[in-house]
């Protein structure tokens, strides 16, 4: 085999890395769904169900590592393609659309001990709205990404699907590790999921965290902010709960987008319009 063919084979193998990471993302979502279904084996045992739901939420959050690095590796290896774009959106639909909606629906169904079908219908509708909005958002992103005139900015237009999923999962993880809290949030989480769905298809600008982190490598000020946040997380883990600070940060991110958008609309400050992602 000539040196040129060896190099070509090496390059083709390297370019498989982004797709492999995307597949890992989708497999995390698939695993989260399978874990969630195990809750039916523990009906009537809130502590066991809490552990099941915590593991499922943790798997969805773990998938975000793969979601973050598949795009980064594709750009680094010059392996971006329409095929990769479609795979990424399909993986996100599984992990950040289907898995969270099933998790919330089954959690509410099991912990409320619902016996009549009519009682379960509103929960299905709320979670269905979340799922539908995730699908609409990802489909719109694919269309715009194929538009040659589309320019990416430092903001998302609307809440990104990983952000919506992490908002749900942060509540579940915190509540599952605080005795009695999970029995409180399952009454409200389906409604919150629906609200997050509407935010995904809104025009509210949200900071692109991935790009902000990438730019932090060249900014001492941003590095200092990251270190400060990690220190706060460490301290809060000893004082309250390891999952309290992520819950606070993620849901502040969700709420701040709404507050900033309203402030722009009433003229407190100006912010440019951003394209959907």
C-alpha atoms as a PDB file:
ATOM      1  CA  UNK A   1       0.000   0.000   0.000  1.00  0.00           C
ATOM      2  CA  UNK A   2       1.399   3.352  -1.015  1.00  0.00           C
ATOM      3  CA  UNK A   3       1.937   6.181   1.455  1.00  0.00           C
ATOM      4  CA  UNK A   4      -0.809   8.194  -0.242  1.00  0.00           C
ATOM      5  CA  UNK A   5      -3.366   5.402   0.242  1.00  0.00           C
ATOM      6  CA  UNK A   6      -2.316   4.986   3.857  1.00  0.00           C
ATOM      7  CA  UNK A   7      -2.884   8.702   4.453  1.00  0.00           C
ATOM      8  CA  UNK A   8      -6.276   8.554   2.711  1.00  0.00           C
ATOM      9  CA  UNK A   9      -7.338   5.597   4.852  1.00  0.00           C
ATOM     10  CA  UNK A  10      -6.132   7.377   7.986  1.00  0.00           C
ATOM     11  CA  UNK A  11      -8.085  10.514   7.070  1.00  0.00           C
ATOM     12  CA  UNK A  12     -11.254   8.516   6.342  1.00  0.00           C
ATOM     13  CA  UNK A  13     -10.992   6.803   9.738  1.00  0.00           C
ATOM     14  CA  UNK A  14     -10.482  10.145  11.493  1.00  0.00           C
ATOM     15  CA  UNK A  15     -13.557  11.528   9.779  1.00  0.00           C
ATOM     16  CA  UNK A  16     -15.616   8.696  11.315  1.00  0.00           C
ATOM     17  CA  UNK A  17     -14.995  10.176  14.770  1.00  0.00           C
ATOM     18  CA  UNK A  18     -17.751  12.861  14.613  1.00  0.00           C
ATOM     19  CA  UNK A  19     -20.369  10.341  13.444  1.00  0.00           C
ATOM     20  CA  UNK A  20     -19.296   7.925  16.182  1.00  0.00           C
ATOM     21  CA  UNK A  21     -19.765  10.636  18.800  1.00  0.00           C
ATOM     22  CA  UNK A  22     -23.198  11.430  17.353  1.00  0.00           C
ATOM     23  CA  UNK A  23     -24.159   7.749  17.551  1.00  0.00           C
ATOM     24  CA  UNK A  24     -23.036   7.714  21.186  1.00  0.00           C
ATOM     25  CA  UNK A  25     -25.352  10.668  21.783  1.00  0.00           C
ATOM     26  CA  UNK A  26     -28.336   8.790  20.341  1.00  0.00           C
ATOM     27  CA  UNK A  27     -27.432   5.607  22.243  1.00  0.00           C
ATOM     28  CA  UNK A  28     -27.449   7.595  25.487  1.00  0.00           C
ATOM     29  CA  UNK A  29     -30.986   8.720  24.683  1.00  0.00           C
ATOM     30  CA  UNK A  30     -32.009   5.148  23.872  1.00  0.00           C
ATOM     31  CA  UNK A  31     -30.483   3.941  27.148  1.00  0.00           C
ATOM     32  CA  UNK A  32     -32.275   6.688  29.085  1.00  0.00           C
ATOM     33  CA  UNK A  33     -35.612   5.495  27.669  1.00  0.00           C
ATOM     34  CA  UNK A  34     -34.878   1.880  28.616  1.00  0.00           C
ATOM     35  CA  UNK A  35     -33.902   2.951  32.134  1.00  0.00           C
ATOM     36  CA  UNK A  36     -37.090   5.015  32.501  1.00  0.00           C
ATOM     37  CA  UNK A  37     -39.243   2.008  31.612  1.00  0.00           C
ATOM     38  CA  UNK A  38     -37.741   0.127  34.554  1.00  0.00           C
ATOM     39  CA  UNK A  39     -39.795   2.376  36.850  1.00  0.00           C
ATOM     40  CA  UNK A  40     -42.819   0.122  36.280  1.00  0.00           C
ATOM     41  CA  UNK A  41     -40.967  -2.637  38.139  1.00  0.00           C
ATOM     42  CA  UNK A  42     -40.919  -0.429  41.252  1.00  0.00           C
ATOM     43  CA  UNK A  43     -44.480   0.900  41.327  1.00  0.00           C
ATOM     44  CA  UNK A  44     -45.360   1.679  44.914  1.00  0.00           C
ATOM     45  CA  UNK A  45     -41.729   2.157  45.975  1.00  0.00           C
ATOM     46  CA  UNK A  46     -40.963   5.895  45.633  1.00  0.00           C
ATOM     47  CA  UNK A  47     -37.305   5.539  46.673  1.00  0.00           C
ATOM     48  CA  UNK A  48     -36.585   2.905  44.007  1.00  0.00           C
ATOM     49  CA  UNK A  49     -38.429   4.909  41.352  1.00  0.00           C
ATOM     50  CA  UNK A  50     -36.462   8.026  42.301  1.00  0.00           C
ATOM     51  CA  UNK A  51     -33.229   6.147  41.638  1.00  0.00           C
ATOM     52  CA  UNK A  52     -34.501   5.008  38.240  1.00  0.00           C
ATOM     53  CA  UNK A  53     -35.514   8.511  37.206  1.00  0.00           C
ATOM     54  CA  UNK A  54     -32.230   9.974  38.483  1.00  0.00           C
ATOM     55  CA  UNK A  55     -30.207   7.513  36.396  1.00  0.00           C
ATOM     56  CA  UNK A  56     -32.297   8.270  33.325  1.00  0.00           C
ATOM     57  CA  UNK A  57     -31.892  12.042  33.786  1.00  0.00           C
ATOM     58  CA  UNK A  58     -28.167  11.566  34.340  1.00  0.00           C
ATOM     59  CA  UNK A  59     -27.863   9.600  31.092  1.00  0.00           C
ATOM     60  CA  UNK A  60     -29.532  12.441  29.155  1.00  0.00           C
ATOM     61  CA  UNK A  61     -27.146  14.965  30.672  1.00  0.00           C
ATOM     62  CA  UNK A  62     -24.186  12.668  29.938  1.00  0.00           C
ATOM     63  CA  UNK A  63     -25.219  12.632  26.266  1.00  0.00           C
ATOM     64  CA  UNK A  64     -24.513  16.373  26.118  1.00  0.00           C
ATOM     65  CA  UNK A  65     -20.789  15.603  26.275  1.00  0.00           C
ATOM     66  CA  UNK A  66     -21.065  13.700  22.987  1.00  0.00           C
ATOM     67  CA  UNK A  67     -23.334  16.392  21.534  1.00  0.00           C
ATOM     68  CA  UNK A  68     -20.760  19.051  22.382  1.00  0.00           C
ATOM     69  CA  UNK A  69     -17.776  17.235  20.925  1.00  0.00           C
ATOM     70  CA  UNK A  70     -19.265  15.811  17.712  1.00  0.00           C
ATOM     71  CA  UNK A  71     -19.573  19.243  16.100  1.00  0.00           C
ATOM     72  CA  UNK A  72     -16.231  20.367  17.512  1.00  0.00           C
ATOM     73  CA  UNK A  73     -14.451  17.281  16.170  1.00  0.00           C
ATOM     74  CA  UNK A  74     -16.164  17.630  12.777  1.00  0.00           C
ATOM     75  CA  UNK A  75     -14.833  21.180  12.401  1.00  0.00           C
ATOM     76  CA  UNK A  76     -11.415  20.204  13.733  1.00  0.00           C
ATOM     77  CA  UNK A  77     -11.072  17.269  11.300  1.00  0.00           C
ATOM     78  CA  UNK A  78     -12.726  19.131   8.421  1.00  0.00           C
ATOM     79  CA  UNK A  79     -15.416  16.441   8.345  1.00  0.00           C
ATOM     80  CA  UNK A  80     -18.581  18.570   8.303  1.00  0.00           C
ATOM     81  CA  UNK A  81     -21.255  17.318   5.901  1.00  0.00           C
ATOM     82  CA  UNK A  82     -25.007  17.271   5.318  1.00  0.00           C
ATOM     83  CA  UNK A  83     -25.003  13.620   6.372  1.00  0.00           C
ATOM     84  CA  UNK A  84     -23.455  14.561   9.717  1.00  0.00           C
ATOM     85  CA  UNK A  85     -25.927  17.426  10.121  1.00  0.00           C
ATOM     86  CA  UNK A  86     -28.910  15.110   9.655  1.00  0.00           C
ATOM     87  CA  UNK A  87     -27.430  12.516  12.010  1.00  0.00           C
ATOM     88  CA  UNK A  88     -26.854  15.146  14.680  1.00  0.00           C
ATOM     89  CA  UNK A  89     -30.456  16.361  14.548  1.00  0.00           C
ATOM     90  CA  UNK A  90     -31.838  12.810  14.626  1.00  0.00           C
ATOM     91  CA  UNK A  91     -29.655  12.027  17.652  1.00  0.00           C
ATOM     92  CA  UNK A  92     -30.787  15.238  19.380  1.00  0.00           C
ATOM     93  CA  UNK A  93     -34.402  14.342  18.661  1.00  0.00           C
ATOM     94  CA  UNK A  94     -33.953  10.993  20.388  1.00  0.00           C
ATOM     95  CA  UNK A  95     -31.945  12.220  23.360  1.00  0.00           C
ATOM     96  CA  UNK A  96     -33.275  15.717  23.995  1.00  0.00           C
ATOM     97  CA  UNK A  97     -36.780  15.296  22.551  1.00  0.00           C
ATOM     98  CA  UNK A  98     -38.123  11.765  22.964  1.00  0.00           C
ATOM     99  CA  UNK A  99     -36.201  10.679  26.089  1.00  0.00           C
ATOM    100  CA  UNK A 100     -37.135  13.695  28.313  1.00  0.00           C
ATOM    101  CA  UNK A 101     -40.801  13.609  27.249  1.00  0.00           C
ATOM    102  CA  UNK A 102     -41.044   9.887  28.074  1.00  0.00           C
ATOM    103  CA  UNK A 103     -39.180  10.426  31.348  1.00  0.00           C
ATOM    104  CA  UNK A 104     -41.573  13.159  32.503  1.00  0.00           C
ATOM    105  CA  UNK A 105     -44.698  11.289  31.362  1.00  0.00           C
ATOM    106  CA  UNK A 106     -43.775   7.995  33.035  1.00  0.00           C
ATOM    107  CA  UNK A 107     -42.587   9.747  36.199  1.00  0.00           C
ATOM    108  CA  UNK A 108     -45.879  11.631  36.549  1.00  0.00           C
ATOM    109  CA  UNK A 109     -47.883   8.510  35.677  1.00  0.00           C
ATOM    110  CA  UNK A 110     -46.116   6.256  38.192  1.00  0.00           C
ATOM    111  CA  UNK A 111     -45.802   8.646  41.092  1.00  0.00           C
ATOM    112  CA  UNK A 112     -49.390   9.841  40.883  1.00  0.00           C
ATOM    113  CA  UNK A 113     -50.592   6.220  40.824  1.00  0.00           C
ATOM    114  CA  UNK A 114     -52.922   7.107  37.966  1.00  0.00           C
ATOM    115  CA  UNK A 115     -55.482   4.399  37.288  1.00  0.00           C
ATOM    116  CA  UNK A 116     -57.958   6.131  34.980  1.00  0.00           C
ATOM    117  CA  UNK A 117     -56.950   6.944  31.392  1.00  0.00           C
ATOM    118  CA  UNK A 118     -58.574  10.376  31.573  1.00  0.00           C
ATOM    119  CA  UNK A 119     -56.196  11.478  34.291  1.00  0.00           C
ATOM    120  CA  UNK A 120     -53.189  10.608  32.136  1.00  0.00           C
ATOM    121  CA  UNK A 121     -54.359  12.480  29.010  1.00  0.00           C
ATOM    122  CA  UNK A 122     -53.286  16.007  30.168  1.00  0.00           C
ATOM    123  CA  UNK A 123     -49.814  14.672  31.043  1.00  0.00           C
ATOM    124  CA  UNK A 124     -49.526  13.091  27.588  1.00  0.00           C
ATOM    125  CA  UNK A 125     -50.593  16.365  25.959  1.00  0.00           C
ATOM    126  CA  UNK A 126     -48.064  18.466  27.903  1.00  0.00           C
ATOM    127  CA  UNK A 127     -45.207  16.069  27.133  1.00  0.00           C
ATOM    128  CA  UNK A 128     -46.420  15.745  23.537  1.00  0.00           C
ATOM    129  CA  UNK A 129     -46.195  19.521  23.109  1.00  0.00           C
ATOM    130  CA  UNK A 130     -42.581  19.391  24.315  1.00  0.00           C
ATOM    131  CA  UNK A 131     -41.802  16.580  21.867  1.00  0.00           C
ATOM    132  CA  UNK A 132     -43.516  18.333  18.943  1.00  0.00           C
ATOM    133  CA  UNK A 133     -41.722  21.615  19.615  1.00  0.00           C
ATOM    134  CA  UNK A 134     -38.356  19.819  19.764  1.00  0.00           C
ATOM    135  CA  UNK A 135     -39.094  18.254  16.367  1.00  0.00           C
ATOM    136  CA  UNK A 136     -40.137  21.604  14.874  1.00  0.00           C
ATOM    137  CA  UNK A 137     -37.021  23.307  16.185  1.00  0.00           C
ATOM    138  CA  UNK A 138     -34.594  20.677  14.890  1.00  0.00           C
ATOM    139  CA  UNK A 139     -36.306  20.530  11.489  1.00  0.00           C
ATOM    140  CA  UNK A 140     -36.135  24.315  11.163  1.00  0.00           C
ATOM    141  CA  UNK A 141     -32.461  24.275  12.086  1.00  0.00           C
ATOM    142  CA  UNK A 142     -31.731  21.708   9.361  1.00  0.00           C
ATOM    143  CA  UNK A 143     -33.489  23.845   6.773  1.00  0.00           C
ATOM    144  CA  UNK A 144     -31.595  26.994   7.764  1.00  0.00           C
ATOM    145  CA  UNK A 145     -28.267  25.156   7.989  1.00  0.00           C
ATOM    146  CA  UNK A 146     -28.652  24.181   4.322  1.00  0.00           C
ATOM    147  CA  UNK A 147     -29.353  27.790   3.362  1.00  0.00           C
ATOM    148  CA  UNK A 148     -26.130  29.322   1.934  1.00  0.00           C
ATOM    149  CA  UNK A 149     -27.241  32.788   3.074  1.00  0.00           C
ATOM    150  CA  UNK A 150     -27.724  31.678   6.682  1.00  0.00           C
ATOM    151  CA  UNK A 151     -25.127  33.118   9.065  1.00  0.00           C
ATOM    152  CA  UNK A 152     -24.543  31.721  12.541  1.00  0.00           C
ATOM    153  CA  UNK A 153     -24.196  34.094  15.471  1.00  0.00           C
ATOM    154  CA  UNK A 154     -23.232  33.839  19.116  1.00  0.00           C
ATOM    155  CA  UNK A 155     -26.855  33.285  20.117  1.00  0.00           C
ATOM    156  CA  UNK A 156     -29.598  30.745  19.553  1.00  0.00           C
ATOM    157  CA  UNK A 157     -33.025  31.973  18.536  1.00  0.00           C
ATOM    158  CA  UNK A 158     -35.208  30.109  20.984  1.00  0.00           C
ATOM    159  CA  UNK A 159     -34.108  27.770  23.758  1.00  0.00           C
ATOM    160  CA  UNK A 160     -31.794  25.035  22.391  1.00  0.00           C
ATOM    161  CA  UNK A 161     -33.100  21.472  22.797  1.00  0.00           C
ATOM    162  CA  UNK A 162     -30.174  20.382  25.034  1.00  0.00           C
ATOM    163  CA  UNK A 163     -30.922  23.373  27.266  1.00  0.00           C
ATOM    164  CA  UNK A 164     -34.588  22.385  27.541  1.00  0.00           C
ATOM    165  CA  UNK A 165     -33.679  18.768  28.322  1.00  0.00           C
ATOM    166  CA  UNK A 166     -31.098  19.809  30.917  1.00  0.00           C
ATOM    167  CA  UNK A 167     -33.655  22.075  32.641  1.00  0.00           C
ATOM    168  CA  UNK A 168     -35.943  19.064  33.092  1.00  0.00           C
ATOM    169  CA  UNK A 169     -33.164  16.691  34.123  1.00  0.00           C
ATOM    170  CA  UNK A 170     -31.652  19.121  36.635  1.00  0.00           C
ATOM    171  CA  UNK A 171     -34.974  19.256  38.498  1.00  0.00           C
ATOM    172  CA  UNK A 172     -35.255  15.473  38.507  1.00  0.00           C
ATOM    173  CA  UNK A 173     -31.684  14.876  39.706  1.00  0.00           C
ATOM    174  CA  UNK A 174     -31.939  17.420  42.497  1.00  0.00           C
ATOM    175  CA  UNK A 175     -35.368  16.247  43.617  1.00  0.00           C
ATOM    176  CA  UNK A 176     -34.434  12.552  43.462  1.00  0.00           C
ATOM    177  CA  UNK A 177     -31.528  13.155  45.847  1.00  0.00           C
ATOM    178  CA  UNK A 178     -33.612  15.215  48.289  1.00  0.00           C
ATOM    179  CA  UNK A 179     -36.010  13.041  50.274  1.00  0.00           C
ATOM    180  CA  UNK A 180     -39.622  13.881  49.517  1.00  0.00           C
ATOM    181  CA  UNK A 181     -38.863  16.481  46.833  1.00  0.00           C
ATOM    182  CA  UNK A 182     -39.621  14.211  43.868  1.00  0.00           C
ATOM    183  CA  UNK A 183     -43.163  13.744  45.147  1.00  0.00           C
ATOM    184  CA  UNK A 184     -43.583  17.522  44.854  1.00  0.00           C
ATOM    185  CA  UNK A 185     -42.192  18.299  41.386  1.00  0.00           C
ATOM    186  CA  UNK A 186     -43.951  15.556  39.409  1.00  0.00           C
ATOM    187  CA  UNK A 187     -47.180  17.542  39.775  1.00  0.00           C
ATOM    188  CA  UNK A 188     -45.658  20.512  37.916  1.00  0.00           C
ATOM    189  CA  UNK A 189     -42.948  19.062  35.672  1.00  0.00           C
ATOM    190  CA  UNK A 190     -45.256  18.151  32.727  1.00  0.00           C
ATOM    191  CA  UNK A 191     -46.467  21.779  32.593  1.00  0.00           C
ATOM    192  CA  UNK A 192     -42.877  23.041  32.808  1.00  0.00           C
ATOM    193  CA  UNK A 193     -41.938  20.684  29.969  1.00  0.00           C
ATOM    194  CA  UNK A 194     -44.679  22.227  27.837  1.00  0.00           C
ATOM    195  CA  UNK A 195     -43.413  25.744  28.620  1.00  0.00           C
ATOM    196  CA  UNK A 196     -39.887  24.689  27.654  1.00  0.00           C
ATOM    197  CA  UNK A 197     -41.297  23.352  24.395  1.00  0.00           C
ATOM    198  CA  UNK A 198     -42.812  26.732  23.550  1.00  0.00           C
ATOM    199  CA  UNK A 199     -39.518  28.428  24.412  1.00  0.00           C
ATOM    200  CA  UNK A 200     -37.716  26.134  21.937  1.00  0.00           C
ATOM    201  CA  UNK A 201     -39.804  27.420  19.036  1.00  0.00           C
ATOM    202  CA  UNK A 202     -39.833  31.040  20.234  1.00  0.00           C
ATOM    203  CA  UNK A 203     -37.686  33.869  18.879  1.00  0.00           C
ATOM    204  CA  UNK A 204     -36.149  34.598  22.289  1.00  0.00           C
ATOM    205  CA  UNK A 205     -32.329  34.873  21.986  1.00  0.00           C
ATOM    206  CA  UNK A 206     -30.257  32.513  24.138  1.00  0.00           C
ATOM    207  CA  UNK A 207     -26.492  32.586  24.526  1.00  0.00           C
ATOM    208  CA  UNK A 208     -24.676  29.866  22.555  1.00  0.00           C
ATOM    209  CA  UNK A 209     -22.831  28.230  25.476  1.00  0.00           C
ATOM    210  CA  UNK A 210     -20.655  26.041  23.240  1.00  0.00           C
ATOM    211  CA  UNK A 211     -19.289  29.013  21.301  1.00  0.00           C
ATOM    212  CA  UNK A 212     -18.905  31.019  24.493  1.00  0.00           C
ATOM    213  CA  UNK A 213     -16.801  28.225  26.026  1.00  0.00           C
ATOM    214  CA  UNK A 214     -14.707  27.941  22.853  1.00  0.00           C
ATOM    215  CA  UNK A 215     -14.008  31.673  22.928  1.00  0.00           C
ATOM    216  CA  UNK A 216     -13.095  31.429  26.627  1.00  0.00           C
ATOM    217  CA  UNK A 217      -9.807  29.766  25.658  1.00  0.00           C
ATOM    218  CA  UNK A 218      -8.604  33.163  24.417  1.00  0.00           C
ATOM    219  CA  UNK A 219     -10.150  35.279  27.170  1.00  0.00           C
ATOM    220  CA  UNK A 220      -8.655  35.410  30.702  1.00  0.00           C
ATOM    221  CA  UNK A 221     -11.835  37.098  31.932  1.00  0.00           C
ATOM    222  CA  UNK A 222     -14.030  34.240  30.721  1.00  0.00           C
ATOM    223  CA  UNK A 223     -11.640  31.663  32.164  1.00  0.00           C
ATOM    224  CA  UNK A 224     -11.887  33.455  35.511  1.00  0.00           C
ATOM    225  CA  UNK A 225     -15.704  33.310  35.290  1.00  0.00           C
ATOM    226  CA  UNK A 226     -15.587  29.557  34.586  1.00  0.00           C
ATOM    227  CA  UNK A 227     -13.222  28.943  37.525  1.00  0.00           C
ATOM    228  CA  UNK A 228     -15.450  31.044  39.804  1.00  0.00           C
ATOM    229  CA  UNK A 229     -18.553  29.065  38.752  1.00  0.00           C
ATOM    230  CA  UNK A 230     -16.779  25.744  39.362  1.00  0.00           C
ATOM    231  CA  UNK A 231     -15.691  26.933  42.817  1.00  0.00           C
ATOM    232  CA  UNK A 232     -19.266  27.925  43.663  1.00  0.00           C
ATOM    233  CA  UNK A 233     -20.439  24.493  42.518  1.00  0.00           C
ATOM    234  CA  UNK A 234     -17.839  22.801  44.717  1.00  0.00           C
ATOM    235  CA  UNK A 235     -18.777  24.874  47.763  1.00  0.00           C
ATOM    236  CA  UNK A 236     -22.529  24.382  47.258  1.00  0.00           C
ATOM    237  CA  UNK A 237     -21.987  20.616  46.964  1.00  0.00           C
ATOM    238  CA  UNK A 238     -20.800  20.547  50.587  1.00  0.00           C
ATOM    239  CA  UNK A 239     -23.422  22.987  51.884  1.00  0.00           C
ATOM    240  CA  UNK A 240     -26.595  21.948  50.039  1.00  0.00           C
ATOM    241  CA  UNK A 241     -26.554  19.256  47.355  1.00  0.00           C
ATOM    242  CA  UNK A 242     -24.237  18.564  44.375  1.00  0.00           C
ATOM    243  CA  UNK A 243     -27.174  19.036  42.006  1.00  0.00           C
ATOM    244  CA  UNK A 244     -28.497  22.275  43.488  1.00  0.00           C
ATOM    245  CA  UNK A 245     -26.032  24.582  41.735  1.00  0.00           C
ATOM    246  CA  UNK A 246     -26.539  23.034  38.242  1.00  0.00           C
ATOM    247  CA  UNK A 247     -30.302  23.313  38.833  1.00  0.00           C
ATOM    248  CA  UNK A 248     -29.909  26.989  39.701  1.00  0.00           C
ATOM    249  CA  UNK A 249     -27.562  27.828  36.794  1.00  0.00           C
ATOM    250  CA  UNK A 250     -29.487  25.956  34.087  1.00  0.00           C
ATOM    251  CA  UNK A 251     -32.898  27.324  35.033  1.00  0.00           C
ATOM    252  CA  UNK A 252     -31.483  30.816  35.500  1.00  0.00           C
ATOM    253  CA  UNK A 253     -30.245  30.505  31.895  1.00  0.00           C
ATOM    254  CA  UNK A 254     -33.806  29.616  30.835  1.00  0.00           C
ATOM    255  CA  UNK A 255     -35.422  32.461  32.778  1.00  0.00           C
ATOM    256  CA  UNK A 256     -32.759  35.057  31.924  1.00  0.00           C
ATOM    257  CA  UNK A 257     -33.466  34.617  28.223  1.00  0.00           C
ATOM    258  CA  UNK A 258     -37.094  35.607  28.817  1.00  0.00           C
ATOM    259  CA  UNK A 259     -36.162  38.535  31.082  1.00  0.00           C
ATOM    260  CA  UNK A 260     -33.563  39.882  28.628  1.00  0.00           C
ATOM    261  CA  UNK A 261     -35.979  39.534  25.701  1.00  0.00           C
ATOM    262  CA  UNK A 262     -38.686  41.460  27.554  1.00  0.00           C
ATOM    263  CA  UNK A 263     -36.128  44.125  28.519  1.00  0.00           C
ATOM    264  CA  UNK A 264     -35.212  44.580  24.847  1.00  0.00           C
ATOM    265  CA  UNK A 265     -38.863  44.814  23.845  1.00  0.00           C
ATOM    266  CA  UNK A 266     -39.628  47.564  26.340  1.00  0.00           C
ATOM    267  CA  UNK A 267     -36.441  49.436  25.451  1.00  0.00           C
ATOM    268  CA  UNK A 268     -34.129  48.877  28.434  1.00  0.00           C
ATOM    269  CA  UNK A 269     -31.298  47.821  26.118  1.00  0.00           C
ATOM    270  CA  UNK A 270     -30.704  46.820  22.523  1.00  0.00           C
ATOM    271  CA  UNK A 271     -29.846  43.369  21.231  1.00  0.00           C
ATOM    272  CA  UNK A 272     -29.518  42.197  17.645  1.00  0.00           C
ATOM    273  CA  UNK A 273     -31.780  39.563  16.147  1.00  0.00           C
ATOM    274  CA  UNK A 274     -30.216  36.109  15.810  1.00  0.00           C
ATOM    275  CA  UNK A 275     -30.879  33.270  13.456  1.00  0.00           C
ATOM    276  CA  UNK A 276     -32.442  30.019  14.587  1.00  0.00           C
ATOM    277  CA  UNK A 277     -30.196  27.175  15.615  1.00  0.00           C
END
